[in-house]
Protein backbone atom coordinates (compact mmCIF):
# COMPACT_ATOMS: atom_id res chain seq x y z
CA MET A 1 12.16 10.46 -13.19
CA PRO A 2 10.36 7.28 -12.16
CA LYS A 3 6.94 7.38 -10.53
CA TYR A 4 7.21 4.85 -7.74
CA SER A 5 4.47 2.45 -6.78
CA ILE A 6 3.77 -1.00 -5.43
CA ILE A 7 1.81 -3.45 -7.54
CA TYR A 8 -0.02 -6.31 -5.83
CA ASP A 9 -0.55 -9.65 -7.57
CA LYS A 10 -3.34 -11.44 -5.69
CA ASP A 11 -2.47 -14.71 -7.41
CA LEU A 12 0.86 -14.80 -5.55
CA CYS A 13 -0.31 -13.69 -2.09
CA LEU A 14 -0.06 -16.40 0.56
CA GLY A 15 -1.89 -14.38 3.21
CA CYS A 16 1.09 -14.74 5.57
CA GLU A 17 0.95 -11.08 6.69
CA ALA A 18 4.76 -10.76 6.54
CA CYS A 19 4.23 -7.41 4.81
CA GLU A 20 2.17 -6.14 7.76
CA ILE A 21 4.75 -7.25 10.30
CA ALA A 22 7.66 -5.78 8.33
CA CYS A 23 5.86 -2.43 8.02
CA LYS A 24 4.98 -2.26 11.71
CA GLN A 25 8.56 -3.09 12.67
CA GLU A 26 10.13 -0.73 10.14
CA HIS A 27 8.02 2.22 11.31
CA ASN A 28 7.64 1.24 14.98
CA LEU A 29 3.85 1.41 14.70
CA PRO A 30 1.75 0.82 17.83
CA VAL A 31 -1.11 -1.64 18.12
CA GLY A 32 -3.96 -0.40 15.97
CA PRO A 33 -2.73 1.52 12.93
CA ARG A 34 -1.65 -0.62 9.99
CA TRP A 35 -0.19 1.06 6.93
CA ILE A 36 -0.65 -2.16 4.97
CA HIS A 37 -2.92 -5.05 5.75
CA VAL A 38 -4.00 -8.33 4.25
CA VAL A 39 -7.68 -9.22 4.26
CA PRO A 40 -8.89 -12.75 3.44
CA ARG A 41 -11.62 -13.10 0.83
CA GLY A 42 -13.63 -16.24 0.83
CA PRO A 43 -13.43 -19.09 0.78
CA GLU A 44 -15.45 -19.12 -2.42
CA GLU A 45 -16.44 -22.12 -4.47
CA VAL A 46 -14.90 -22.03 -7.95
CA ASP A 47 -15.41 -25.01 -10.25
CA GLY A 48 -16.31 -27.19 -7.26
CA LYS A 49 -13.22 -26.20 -5.27
CA LEU A 50 -12.93 -23.88 -2.31
CA ILE A 51 -10.61 -20.99 -3.05
CA LEU A 52 -9.28 -18.50 -0.49
CA THR A 53 -7.75 -15.29 -1.83
CA PHE A 54 -6.43 -12.19 -0.15
CA LYS A 55 -6.84 -8.47 -0.68
CA ASN A 56 -3.98 -6.11 0.10
CA ILE A 57 -4.99 -2.70 1.46
CA ARG A 58 -2.48 0.15 1.55
CA CYS A 59 -1.89 3.66 0.27
CA MET A 60 -1.95 3.60 -3.50
CA HIS A 61 0.06 6.84 -3.83
CA CYS A 62 -2.64 7.93 -6.27
CA GLY A 63 -2.08 10.01 -9.37
CA LYS A 64 -4.46 12.62 -7.92
CA PRO A 65 -4.70 11.78 -4.23
CA PRO A 66 -8.03 12.88 -2.72
CA CYS A 67 -6.36 13.07 0.70
CA ILE A 68 -4.31 16.09 -0.44
CA ASP A 69 -7.40 18.17 -1.25
CA ALA A 70 -9.18 16.99 1.90
CA CYS A 71 -6.43 18.10 4.28
CA PRO A 72 -7.33 21.56 5.65
CA GLU A 73 -3.77 22.08 6.94
CA GLY A 74 -1.93 21.33 3.68
CA ALA A 75 -0.04 18.58 5.51
CA ILE A 76 -0.15 16.08 2.64
CA SER A 77 1.98 16.43 -0.48
CA LYS A 78 3.02 14.38 -3.47
CA ARG A 79 6.67 14.29 -4.47
CA ALA A 80 7.85 14.35 -8.08
CA ASP A 81 8.59 10.61 -7.80
CA GLY A 82 4.93 9.90 -6.91
CA ILE A 83 5.39 9.29 -3.18
CA VAL A 84 2.61 10.85 -1.08
CA LEU A 85 3.67 11.99 2.39
CA ILE A 86 2.05 13.51 5.47
CA ASP A 87 4.07 16.19 7.24
CA PRO A 88 3.71 15.44 10.98
CA GLU A 89 4.57 19.05 11.79
CA LEU A 90 1.48 20.27 9.90
CA CYS A 91 -0.97 17.43 10.65
CA THR A 92 -3.49 18.19 13.38
CA GLY A 93 -5.07 14.73 13.41
CA CYS A 94 -8.43 16.02 12.13
CA LYS A 95 -8.96 12.78 10.12
CA ALA A 96 -10.35 14.55 7.01
CA CYS A 97 -7.90 12.59 4.86
CA ILE A 98 -9.17 9.32 6.34
CA GLU A 99 -12.68 10.15 5.19
CA ALA A 100 -11.48 11.19 1.72
CA CYS A 101 -9.39 8.10 0.97
CA PRO A 102 -11.26 5.37 -0.93
CA PHE A 103 -8.67 2.79 0.17
CA GLY A 104 -8.71 3.42 3.92
CA ALA A 105 -4.97 4.09 3.81
CA PRO A 106 -4.53 6.97 6.26
CA GLN A 107 -4.57 5.66 9.83
CA PHE A 108 -5.01 7.56 13.08
CA ASN A 109 -2.20 6.92 15.54
CA PRO A 110 -3.56 7.28 19.10
CA GLU A 111 -0.06 7.52 20.55
CA ASN A 112 0.72 10.84 18.85
CA ASN A 113 -2.84 11.90 17.85
CA LEU A 114 -1.76 12.27 14.22
CA VAL A 115 -2.79 10.65 10.97
CA GLU A 116 -0.11 8.55 9.31
CA MET A 117 0.10 6.36 6.23
CA CYS A 118 2.46 4.40 4.04
CA THR A 119 5.49 6.42 2.98
CA LEU A 120 6.64 3.76 0.52
CA CYS A 121 9.55 3.56 2.98
CA VAL A 122 10.99 6.70 1.41
CA HIS A 123 13.99 6.46 3.74
CA ARG A 124 14.80 3.06 2.21
CA VAL A 125 13.96 4.01 -1.38
CA GLU A 126 16.35 6.97 -1.21
CA LYS A 127 19.11 4.45 -0.36
CA GLY A 128 18.22 2.23 -3.32
CA LEU A 129 16.33 -0.31 -1.20
CA LYS A 130 12.82 -1.68 -1.62
CA PRO A 131 10.06 -0.84 0.87
CA ALA A 132 10.07 -3.17 3.90
CA CYS A 133 6.76 -4.81 2.92
CA VAL A 134 8.07 -5.69 -0.55
CA SER A 135 11.32 -7.10 0.84
CA ALA A 136 9.38 -9.25 3.32
CA CYS A 137 6.84 -10.63 0.82
CA VAL A 138 7.72 -14.34 0.59
CA GLY A 139 5.24 -15.05 -2.20
CA GLY A 140 6.44 -12.23 -4.44
CA ALA A 141 2.96 -10.69 -4.51
CA LEU A 142 4.30 -7.17 -3.89
CA LYS A 143 6.52 -5.59 -6.51
CA PHE A 144 8.08 -2.13 -6.24
CA GLY A 145 9.34 0.15 -8.99
CA ASP A 146 8.27 2.59 -11.66
CA ILE A 147 4.50 2.39 -12.13
CA ASN A 148 4.75 2.25 -15.94
CA GLU A 149 7.19 -0.69 -15.87
CA LEU A 150 5.17 -2.51 -13.22
CA THR A 151 1.85 -2.20 -15.05
CA GLU A 152 3.48 -3.30 -18.31
CA GLU A 153 4.92 -6.38 -16.57
CA LEU A 154 1.55 -7.20 -15.01
CA ALA A 155 -0.26 -6.76 -18.35
CA LYS A 156 2.16 -9.19 -20.02
CA LYS A 157 1.58 -11.73 -17.26
CA ARG A 158 -2.19 -11.43 -17.57
CA ALA A 159 -2.01 -11.73 -21.38
CA LYS A 160 -0.13 -15.05 -21.02
CA ALA A 161 -2.61 -16.42 -18.48
CA VAL A 162 -4.78 -19.25 -19.68
CA VAL A 163 -8.44 -18.34 -19.50
CA PRO A 164 -10.72 -21.37 -18.99
CA TRP A 165 -13.77 -21.23 -21.24
């Protein structure tokens, strides 16, 4: 069984925020919580040129998610395919998972007083579709699939990259 994940290639990110918009629309999220967001870094001077890059922040669907252990209600679980989910029936909105997550992925939704986070669009994945953010990424910076295949692909790309000395 595959272990699903999203890999982010910062070299391909345009900073357009299409992933954020697609996620908010797909999940009908209110103003405030963002299950994925793009943060500009820079500009920085590199070899006399100004370079602006972007960081993509979202749930990493960790191998050993700290949010699971932090949740006093047992509302967070990890499926066999690697997708980490919060059960809204069990969540009390205590925010312990928010504190435990090193990526800032869980978000408090003031409309329902619950904590929510990226579901990897499990409803789409189960139909053979990509998550909304990946489908919307015009630069191809977000790739979805089995984590082992994705990391192998990224390693090959990095190995081919020319390193200026």
